[in-house]
Amino acid sequence: MPTILIIDTNIWAYFFDRDAAEHRRVEGPVENALKTEQIAANTIVVMELAQFLVRSLGPVSGGEKLGLFLRFPLAISDFEYQDALEAVDMLKRYSHLGIGGRDATILALMRRAKVNRIMTHDAALKRVDWLEVIDPLQAA
């Protein structure tokens, strides 16, 4: 049974933007995760990625990449009122580490799903003590 992994928006952005300097370093780890892990996300991550792709790559190319993303075998959770309450709690608990509203929604998803593994390059998320962070961009 595959383990559950959250992939943060910044990693997805590097993965889909072939011109990004970080693209080559995240491509392999993301492709491997898609083959071996159950990838979870929330609708906030979907919208954050959609915004990045459309703004950076244009509505046509960005829309095509988003369509590809949505065809991946992802477990996408809707963001509902109870999730907002949990995200506010996460924001209050971890804002001193640099966690903002969108990251708080990811932490709320992770708590609810009992997941502690995340692939990210986000410095604030790396400071959350209960997370196991996989950073494909971290210098080896």
N, C-alpha and C. Protein backbone atom coordinates (compact mmCIF):
# COMPACT_ATOMS: atom_id res chain seq x y z
N MET A 1 0.85 -1.19 0.00
CA MET A 1 0.00 0.00 0.00
C MET A 1 0.89 1.25 0.00
N PRO A 2 0.71 2.16 -0.98
CA PRO A 2 1.56 3.34 -1.04
C PRO A 2 1.32 4.28 0.14
N THR A 3 2.36 4.99 0.52
CA THR A 3 2.22 6.00 1.56
C THR A 3 1.67 7.27 0.94
N ILE A 4 1.14 8.14 1.79
CA ILE A 4 0.56 9.39 1.31
C ILE A 4 1.62 10.49 1.41
N LEU A 5 1.69 11.30 0.37
CA LEU A 5 2.63 12.41 0.29
C LEU A 5 1.89 13.63 -0.22
N ILE A 6 2.17 14.76 0.40
CA ILE A 6 1.69 16.05 -0.10
C ILE A 6 2.83 16.64 -0.93
N ILE A 7 2.52 17.17 -2.08
CA ILE A 7 3.50 17.91 -2.87
C ILE A 7 3.04 19.36 -2.88
N ASP A 8 3.89 20.24 -2.36
CA ASP A 8 3.57 21.65 -2.24
C ASP A 8 3.54 22.32 -3.62
N THR A 9 2.81 23.41 -3.70
CA THR A 9 2.64 24.13 -4.96
C THR A 9 3.97 24.54 -5.58
N ASN A 10 4.95 24.93 -4.75
CA ASN A 10 6.21 25.39 -5.34
C ASN A 10 6.90 24.27 -6.12
N ILE A 11 6.80 23.06 -5.66
CA ILE A 11 7.40 21.93 -6.38
C ILE A 11 6.64 21.67 -7.68
N TRP A 12 5.30 21.71 -7.63
CA TRP A 12 4.52 21.55 -8.85
C TRP A 12 4.86 22.65 -9.86
N ALA A 13 5.04 23.88 -9.38
CA ALA A 13 5.37 24.98 -10.29
C ALA A 13 6.70 24.72 -10.99
N TYR A 14 7.71 24.30 -10.25
CA TYR A 14 9.01 23.98 -10.86
C TYR A 14 8.87 22.80 -11.83
N PHE A 15 8.05 21.84 -11.48
CA PHE A 15 7.86 20.65 -12.31
C PHE A 15 7.25 21.01 -13.67
N PHE A 16 6.27 21.88 -13.68
CA PHE A 16 5.57 22.21 -14.92
C PHE A 16 6.23 23.32 -15.73
N ASP A 17 7.08 24.11 -15.12
CA ASP A 17 7.77 25.20 -15.83
C ASP A 17 9.15 24.71 -16.26
N ARG A 18 9.23 24.20 -17.48
CA ARG A 18 10.48 23.64 -17.98
C ARG A 18 11.61 24.67 -18.07
N ASP A 19 11.27 25.96 -18.06
CA ASP A 19 12.28 27.01 -18.11
C ASP A 19 12.82 27.38 -16.73
N ALA A 20 12.19 26.89 -15.69
CA ALA A 20 12.64 27.19 -14.32
C ALA A 20 13.97 26.49 -14.07
N ALA A 21 14.89 27.19 -13.43
CA ALA A 21 16.19 26.60 -13.11
C ALA A 21 16.04 25.35 -12.26
N GLU A 22 14.98 25.27 -11.46
CA GLU A 22 14.76 24.16 -10.55
C GLU A 22 14.12 22.94 -11.22
N HIS A 23 13.64 23.10 -12.45
CA HIS A 23 12.86 22.05 -13.11
C HIS A 23 13.58 20.69 -13.11
N ARG A 24 14.81 20.66 -13.56
CA ARG A 24 15.52 19.38 -13.67
C ARG A 24 15.66 18.67 -12.33
N ARG A 25 15.82 19.45 -11.26
CA ARG A 25 16.05 18.83 -9.96
C ARG A 25 14.78 18.28 -9.32
N VAL A 26 13.62 18.79 -9.74
CA VAL A 26 12.36 18.27 -9.18
C VAL A 26 11.69 17.26 -10.09
N GLU A 27 12.02 17.25 -11.37
CA GLU A 27 11.34 16.38 -12.33
C GLU A 27 11.38 14.90 -11.93
N GLY A 28 12.56 14.38 -11.65
CA GLY A 28 12.71 12.98 -11.28
C GLY A 28 12.00 12.63 -9.98
N PRO A 29 12.22 13.40 -8.91
CA PRO A 29 11.53 13.09 -7.65
C PRO A 29 10.00 13.14 -7.76
N VAL A 30 9.47 14.10 -8.52
CA VAL A 30 8.01 14.17 -8.67
C VAL A 30 7.51 12.98 -9.48
N GLU A 31 8.17 12.67 -10.58
CA GLU A 31 7.75 11.52 -11.39
C GLU A 31 7.82 10.22 -10.59
N ASN A 32 8.86 10.07 -9.79
CA ASN A 32 8.98 8.88 -8.94
C ASN A 32 7.85 8.84 -7.91
N ALA A 33 7.56 9.97 -7.30
CA ALA A 33 6.47 10.03 -6.31
C ALA A 33 5.13 9.66 -6.94
N LEU A 34 4.90 10.13 -8.16
CA LEU A 34 3.65 9.81 -8.84
C LEU A 34 3.50 8.31 -9.09
N LYS A 35 4.62 7.62 -9.23
CA LYS A 35 4.59 6.17 -9.48
C LYS A 35 4.50 5.36 -8.19
N THR A 36 5.01 5.90 -7.08
CA THR A 36 5.16 5.08 -5.88
C THR A 36 4.36 5.56 -4.66
N GLU A 37 3.79 6.74 -4.71
CA GLU A 37 3.09 7.33 -3.57
C GLU A 37 1.65 7.65 -3.94
N GLN A 38 0.81 7.79 -2.94
CA GLN A 38 -0.51 8.38 -3.13
C GLN A 38 -0.32 9.87 -2.87
N ILE A 39 -0.54 10.69 -3.87
CA ILE A 39 -0.34 12.14 -3.74
C ILE A 39 -1.66 12.79 -3.38
N ALA A 40 -1.64 13.58 -2.32
CA ALA A 40 -2.84 14.28 -1.86
C ALA A 40 -2.63 15.78 -1.99
N ALA A 41 -3.73 16.48 -2.17
CA ALA A 41 -3.71 17.94 -2.25
C ALA A 41 -5.09 18.45 -1.83
N ASN A 42 -5.19 19.74 -1.66
CA ASN A 42 -6.50 20.34 -1.44
C ASN A 42 -6.80 21.30 -2.60
N THR A 43 -8.02 21.78 -2.65
CA THR A 43 -8.42 22.65 -3.75
C THR A 43 -7.69 23.99 -3.71
N ILE A 44 -7.14 24.37 -2.58
CA ILE A 44 -6.35 25.61 -2.50
C ILE A 44 -5.07 25.44 -3.31
N VAL A 45 -4.41 24.28 -3.20
CA VAL A 45 -3.20 24.00 -3.97
C VAL A 45 -3.53 24.01 -5.47
N VAL A 46 -4.66 23.43 -5.83
CA VAL A 46 -5.06 23.42 -7.24
C VAL A 46 -5.17 24.85 -7.77
N MET A 47 -5.84 25.71 -7.03
CA MET A 47 -6.02 27.10 -7.47
C MET A 47 -4.72 27.88 -7.47
N GLU A 48 -3.87 27.64 -6.47
CA GLU A 48 -2.58 28.32 -6.42
C GLU A 48 -1.73 27.92 -7.62
N LEU A 49 -1.73 26.64 -7.98
CA LEU A 49 -0.99 26.18 -9.14
C LEU A 49 -1.61 26.73 -10.42
N ALA A 50 -2.93 26.74 -10.51
CA ALA A 50 -3.61 27.29 -11.69
C ALA A 50 -3.20 28.75 -11.90
N GLN A 51 -3.20 29.53 -10.84
CA GLN A 51 -2.80 30.93 -10.93
C GLN A 51 -1.37 31.06 -11.44
N PHE A 52 -0.46 30.27 -10.87
CA PHE A 52 0.94 30.33 -11.30
C PHE A 52 1.06 29.97 -12.78
N LEU A 53 0.45 28.86 -13.18
CA LEU A 53 0.60 28.38 -14.56
C LEU A 53 0.03 29.36 -15.57
N VAL A 54 -1.15 29.90 -15.30
CA VAL A 54 -1.77 30.83 -16.24
C VAL A 54 -0.98 32.13 -16.31
N ARG A 55 -0.54 32.64 -15.17
CA ARG A 55 0.25 33.88 -15.17
C ARG A 55 1.63 33.70 -15.79
N SER A 56 2.26 32.58 -15.52
CA SER A 56 3.64 32.38 -15.98
C SER A 56 3.72 31.86 -17.41
N LEU A 57 2.82 30.96 -17.77
CA LEU A 57 2.91 30.29 -19.07
C LEU A 57 1.83 30.73 -20.04
N GLY A 58 0.91 31.57 -19.58
CA GLY A 58 -0.19 32.02 -20.43
C GLY A 58 -1.40 31.13 -20.30
N PRO A 59 -2.57 31.63 -20.71
CA PRO A 59 -3.79 30.87 -20.52
C PRO A 59 -3.85 29.56 -21.31
N VAL A 60 -3.24 29.52 -22.49
CA VAL A 60 -3.31 28.29 -23.29
C VAL A 60 -2.34 27.24 -22.74
N SER A 61 -1.06 27.57 -22.71
CA SER A 61 -0.07 26.61 -22.23
C SER A 61 -0.29 26.29 -20.75
N GLY A 62 -0.56 27.32 -19.96
CA GLY A 62 -0.83 27.11 -18.53
C GLY A 62 -2.05 26.24 -18.31
N GLY A 63 -3.09 26.47 -19.11
CA GLY A 63 -4.30 25.66 -19.01
C GLY A 63 -4.05 24.20 -19.38
N GLU A 64 -3.21 23.99 -20.41
CA GLU A 64 -2.88 22.62 -20.81
C GLU A 64 -2.12 21.90 -19.70
N LYS A 65 -1.17 22.60 -19.08
CA LYS A 65 -0.39 21.98 -17.99
C LYS A 65 -1.29 21.69 -16.80
N LEU A 66 -2.22 22.59 -16.51
CA LEU A 66 -3.15 22.34 -15.41
C LEU A 66 -4.02 21.13 -15.71
N GLY A 67 -4.44 20.99 -16.96
CA GLY A 67 -5.22 19.81 -17.35
C GLY A 67 -4.43 18.54 -17.14
N LEU A 68 -3.14 18.57 -17.45
CA LEU A 68 -2.28 17.41 -17.22
C LEU A 68 -2.20 17.11 -15.73
N PHE A 69 -1.99 18.14 -14.91
CA PHE A 69 -1.93 17.98 -13.46
C PHE A 69 -3.21 17.31 -12.94
N LEU A 70 -4.35 17.76 -13.42
CA LEU A 70 -5.63 17.24 -12.93
C LEU A 70 -5.91 15.82 -13.40
N ARG A 71 -5.16 15.33 -14.38
CA ARG A 71 -5.30 13.94 -14.81
C ARG A 71 -4.40 12.99 -14.02
N PHE A 72 -3.48 13.55 -13.22
CA PHE A 72 -2.66 12.69 -12.37
C PHE A 72 -3.57 12.00 -11.34
N PRO A 73 -3.18 10.84 -10.85
CA PRO A 73 -4.01 10.13 -9.86
C PRO A 73 -3.84 10.75 -8.47
N LEU A 74 -4.43 11.91 -8.29
CA LEU A 74 -4.32 12.65 -7.04
C LEU A 74 -5.57 12.46 -6.19
N ALA A 75 -5.39 12.51 -4.89
CA ALA A 75 -6.51 12.56 -3.95
C ALA A 75 -6.68 14.03 -3.58
N ILE A 76 -7.66 14.69 -4.20
CA ILE A 76 -7.86 16.12 -3.96
C ILE A 76 -9.04 16.30 -3.02
N SER A 77 -8.78 16.99 -1.92
CA SER A 77 -9.82 17.25 -0.91
C SER A 77 -10.41 18.63 -1.13
N ASP A 78 -11.73 18.70 -1.09
CA ASP A 78 -12.38 20.00 -1.13
C ASP A 78 -12.06 20.75 0.15
N PHE A 79 -11.97 22.07 0.05
CA PHE A 79 -11.71 22.91 1.21
C PHE A 79 -13.05 23.42 1.72
N GLU A 80 -13.45 22.92 2.87
CA GLU A 80 -14.75 23.24 3.42
C GLU A 80 -14.61 24.03 4.72
N TYR A 81 -15.75 24.40 5.30
CA TYR A 81 -15.76 25.24 6.49
C TYR A 81 -14.92 24.66 7.63
N GLN A 82 -15.07 23.38 7.91
CA GLN A 82 -14.30 22.75 8.99
C GLN A 82 -12.81 22.83 8.71
N ASP A 83 -12.44 22.71 7.43
CA ASP A 83 -11.03 22.83 7.04
C ASP A 83 -10.53 24.25 7.29
N ALA A 84 -11.40 25.23 7.03
CA ALA A 84 -11.03 26.62 7.29
C ALA A 84 -10.77 26.85 8.77
N LEU A 85 -11.62 26.27 9.61
CA LEU A 85 -11.41 26.42 11.06
C LEU A 85 -10.09 25.78 11.49
N GLU A 86 -9.80 24.59 10.97
CA GLU A 86 -8.53 23.93 11.30
C GLU A 86 -7.35 24.72 10.75
N ALA A 87 -7.50 25.29 9.56
CA ALA A 87 -6.42 26.09 8.96
C ALA A 87 -6.15 27.34 9.80
N VAL A 88 -7.20 27.96 10.31
CA VAL A 88 -7.02 29.12 11.19
C VAL A 88 -6.24 28.71 12.43
N ASP A 89 -6.57 27.54 12.99
CA ASP A 89 -5.84 27.04 14.15
C ASP A 89 -4.37 26.82 13.80
N MET A 90 -4.10 26.24 12.65
CA MET A 90 -2.71 26.01 12.21
C MET A 90 -1.99 27.35 12.02
N LEU A 91 -2.69 28.33 11.47
CA LEU A 91 -2.10 29.65 11.27
C LEU A 91 -1.73 30.28 12.62
N LYS A 92 -2.63 30.17 13.59
CA LYS A 92 -2.34 30.72 14.92
C LYS A 92 -1.18 30.00 15.57
N ARG A 93 -1.11 28.68 15.40
CA ARG A 93 -0.05 27.90 16.03
C ARG A 93 1.32 28.12 15.41
N TYR A 94 1.36 28.32 14.09
CA TYR A 94 2.65 28.29 13.38
C TYR A 94 3.00 29.58 12.64
N SER A 95 2.23 30.64 12.81
CA SER A 95 2.55 31.89 12.11
C SER A 95 3.93 32.42 12.52
N HIS A 96 4.35 32.15 13.76
CA HIS A 96 5.66 32.62 14.22
C HIS A 96 6.80 31.94 13.45
N LEU A 97 6.50 30.85 12.74
CA LEU A 97 7.51 30.16 11.93
C LEU A 97 7.51 30.66 10.49
N GLY A 98 6.56 31.55 10.17
CA GLY A 98 6.45 32.05 8.81
C GLY A 98 5.34 31.40 8.00
N ILE A 99 4.52 30.57 8.65
CA ILE A 99 3.40 29.93 7.96
C ILE A 99 2.34 30.97 7.66
N GLY A 100 1.90 31.00 6.40
CA GLY A 100 0.83 31.89 5.97
C GLY A 100 -0.46 31.12 5.77
N GLY A 101 -1.46 31.79 5.26
CA GLY A 101 -2.78 31.20 5.11
C GLY A 101 -2.83 29.97 4.22
N ARG A 102 -2.19 30.02 3.05
CA ARG A 102 -2.24 28.86 2.15
C ARG A 102 -1.50 27.67 2.74
N ASP A 103 -0.34 27.92 3.35
CA ASP A 103 0.38 26.81 4.00
C ASP A 103 -0.43 26.24 5.16
N ALA A 104 -1.16 27.10 5.85
CA ALA A 104 -2.00 26.63 6.96
C ALA A 104 -3.07 25.68 6.45
N THR A 105 -3.58 25.90 5.22
CA THR A 105 -4.58 24.97 4.67
C THR A 105 -3.95 23.62 4.39
N ILE A 106 -2.70 23.61 3.99
CA ILE A 106 -2.00 22.33 3.75
C ILE A 106 -1.79 21.61 5.08
N LEU A 107 -1.38 22.34 6.11
CA LEU A 107 -1.19 21.72 7.43
C LEU A 107 -2.50 21.15 7.95
N ALA A 108 -3.61 21.86 7.72
CA ALA A 108 -4.92 21.36 8.17
C ALA A 108 -5.27 20.07 7.44
N LEU A 109 -5.01 20.02 6.13
CA LEU A 109 -5.25 18.79 5.37
C LEU A 109 -4.40 17.65 5.92
N MET A 110 -3.15 17.94 6.20
CA MET A 110 -2.23 16.92 6.69
C MET A 110 -2.67 16.39 8.05
N ARG A 111 -3.09 17.27 8.93
CA ARG A 111 -3.58 16.83 10.26
C ARG A 111 -4.80 15.94 10.11
N ARG A 112 -5.75 16.38 9.28
CA ARG A 112 -6.99 15.62 9.11
C ARG A 112 -6.72 14.24 8.51
N ALA A 113 -5.79 14.19 7.54
CA ALA A 113 -5.49 12.93 6.85
C ALA A 113 -4.42 12.11 7.58
N LYS A 114 -3.93 12.64 8.69
CA LYS A 114 -2.87 11.97 9.46
C LYS A 114 -1.65 11.68 8.59
N VAL A 115 -1.22 12.71 7.86
CA VAL A 115 -0.07 12.65 6.97
C VAL A 115 0.98 13.62 7.50
N ASN A 116 2.24 13.19 7.49
CA ASN A 116 3.29 14.11 7.94
C ASN A 116 4.38 14.33 6.90
N ARG A 117 4.24 13.71 5.72
CA ARG A 117 5.27 13.81 4.68
C ARG A 117 4.87 14.82 3.61
N ILE A 118 5.80 15.75 3.31
CA ILE A 118 5.54 16.77 2.31
C ILE A 118 6.80 17.01 1.48
N MET A 119 6.62 17.15 0.18
CA MET A 119 7.72 17.54 -0.70
C MET A 119 7.56 19.05 -0.93
N THR A 120 8.54 19.81 -0.49
CA THR A 120 8.46 21.26 -0.58
C THR A 120 9.86 21.87 -0.54
N HIS A 121 9.93 23.11 -0.98
CA HIS A 121 11.16 23.90 -0.84
C HIS A 121 10.87 25.12 0.05
N ASP A 122 9.75 25.09 0.74
CA ASP A 122 9.28 26.19 1.57
C ASP A 122 9.99 26.17 2.92
N ALA A 123 10.72 27.24 3.21
CA ALA A 123 11.49 27.31 4.46
C ALA A 123 10.59 27.27 5.68
N ALA A 124 9.43 27.92 5.62
CA ALA A 124 8.54 27.94 6.78
C ALA A 124 8.01 26.53 7.10
N LEU A 125 7.63 25.78 6.09
CA LEU A 125 7.14 24.43 6.33
C LEU A 125 8.23 23.54 6.91
N LYS A 126 9.48 23.81 6.56
CA LYS A 126 10.59 23.02 7.09
C LYS A 126 10.75 23.23 8.60
N ARG A 127 10.20 24.31 9.12
CA ARG A 127 10.32 24.61 10.56
C ARG A 127 9.24 23.94 11.41
N VAL A 128 8.24 23.37 10.78
CA VAL A 128 7.15 22.72 11.52
C VAL A 128 7.67 21.36 11.98
N ASP A 129 7.74 21.17 13.29
CA ASP A 129 8.47 20.03 13.86
C ASP A 129 7.86 18.66 13.57
N TRP A 130 6.60 18.57 13.26
CA TRP A 130 5.99 17.27 13.03
C TRP A 130 5.98 16.86 11.56
N LEU A 131 6.56 17.70 10.70
CA LEU A 131 6.60 17.37 9.28
C LEU A 131 7.90 16.66 8.92
N GLU A 132 7.77 15.68 8.05
CA GLU A 132 8.93 15.05 7.41
C GLU A 132 9.03 15.68 6.02
N VAL A 133 10.01 16.54 5.84
CA VAL A 133 10.13 17.32 4.60
C VAL A 133 11.11 16.65 3.64
N ILE A 134 10.66 16.52 2.41
CA ILE A 134 11.50 16.05 1.31
C ILE A 134 11.71 17.27 0.42
N ASP A 135 12.95 17.71 0.30
CA ASP A 135 13.27 18.87 -0.53
C ASP A 135 14.24 18.46 -1.62
N PRO A 136 13.75 18.26 -2.84
CA PRO A 136 14.64 17.83 -3.92
C PRO A 136 15.64 18.91 -4.33
N LEU A 137 15.46 20.13 -3.84
CA LEU A 137 16.37 21.23 -4.18
C LEU A 137 17.43 21.46 -3.12
N GLN A 138 17.30 20.79 -2.00
CA GLN A 138 18.26 20.96 -0.93
C GLN A 138 19.61 20.41 -1.37
N ALA A 139 20.64 21.17 -1.12
CA ALA A 139 21.99 20.74 -1.51
C ALA A 139 22.34 19.44 -0.78
N ALA A 140 22.86 18.51 -1.55
CA ALA A 140 23.22 17.22 -0.97
C ALA A 140 24.56 17.27 -0.30
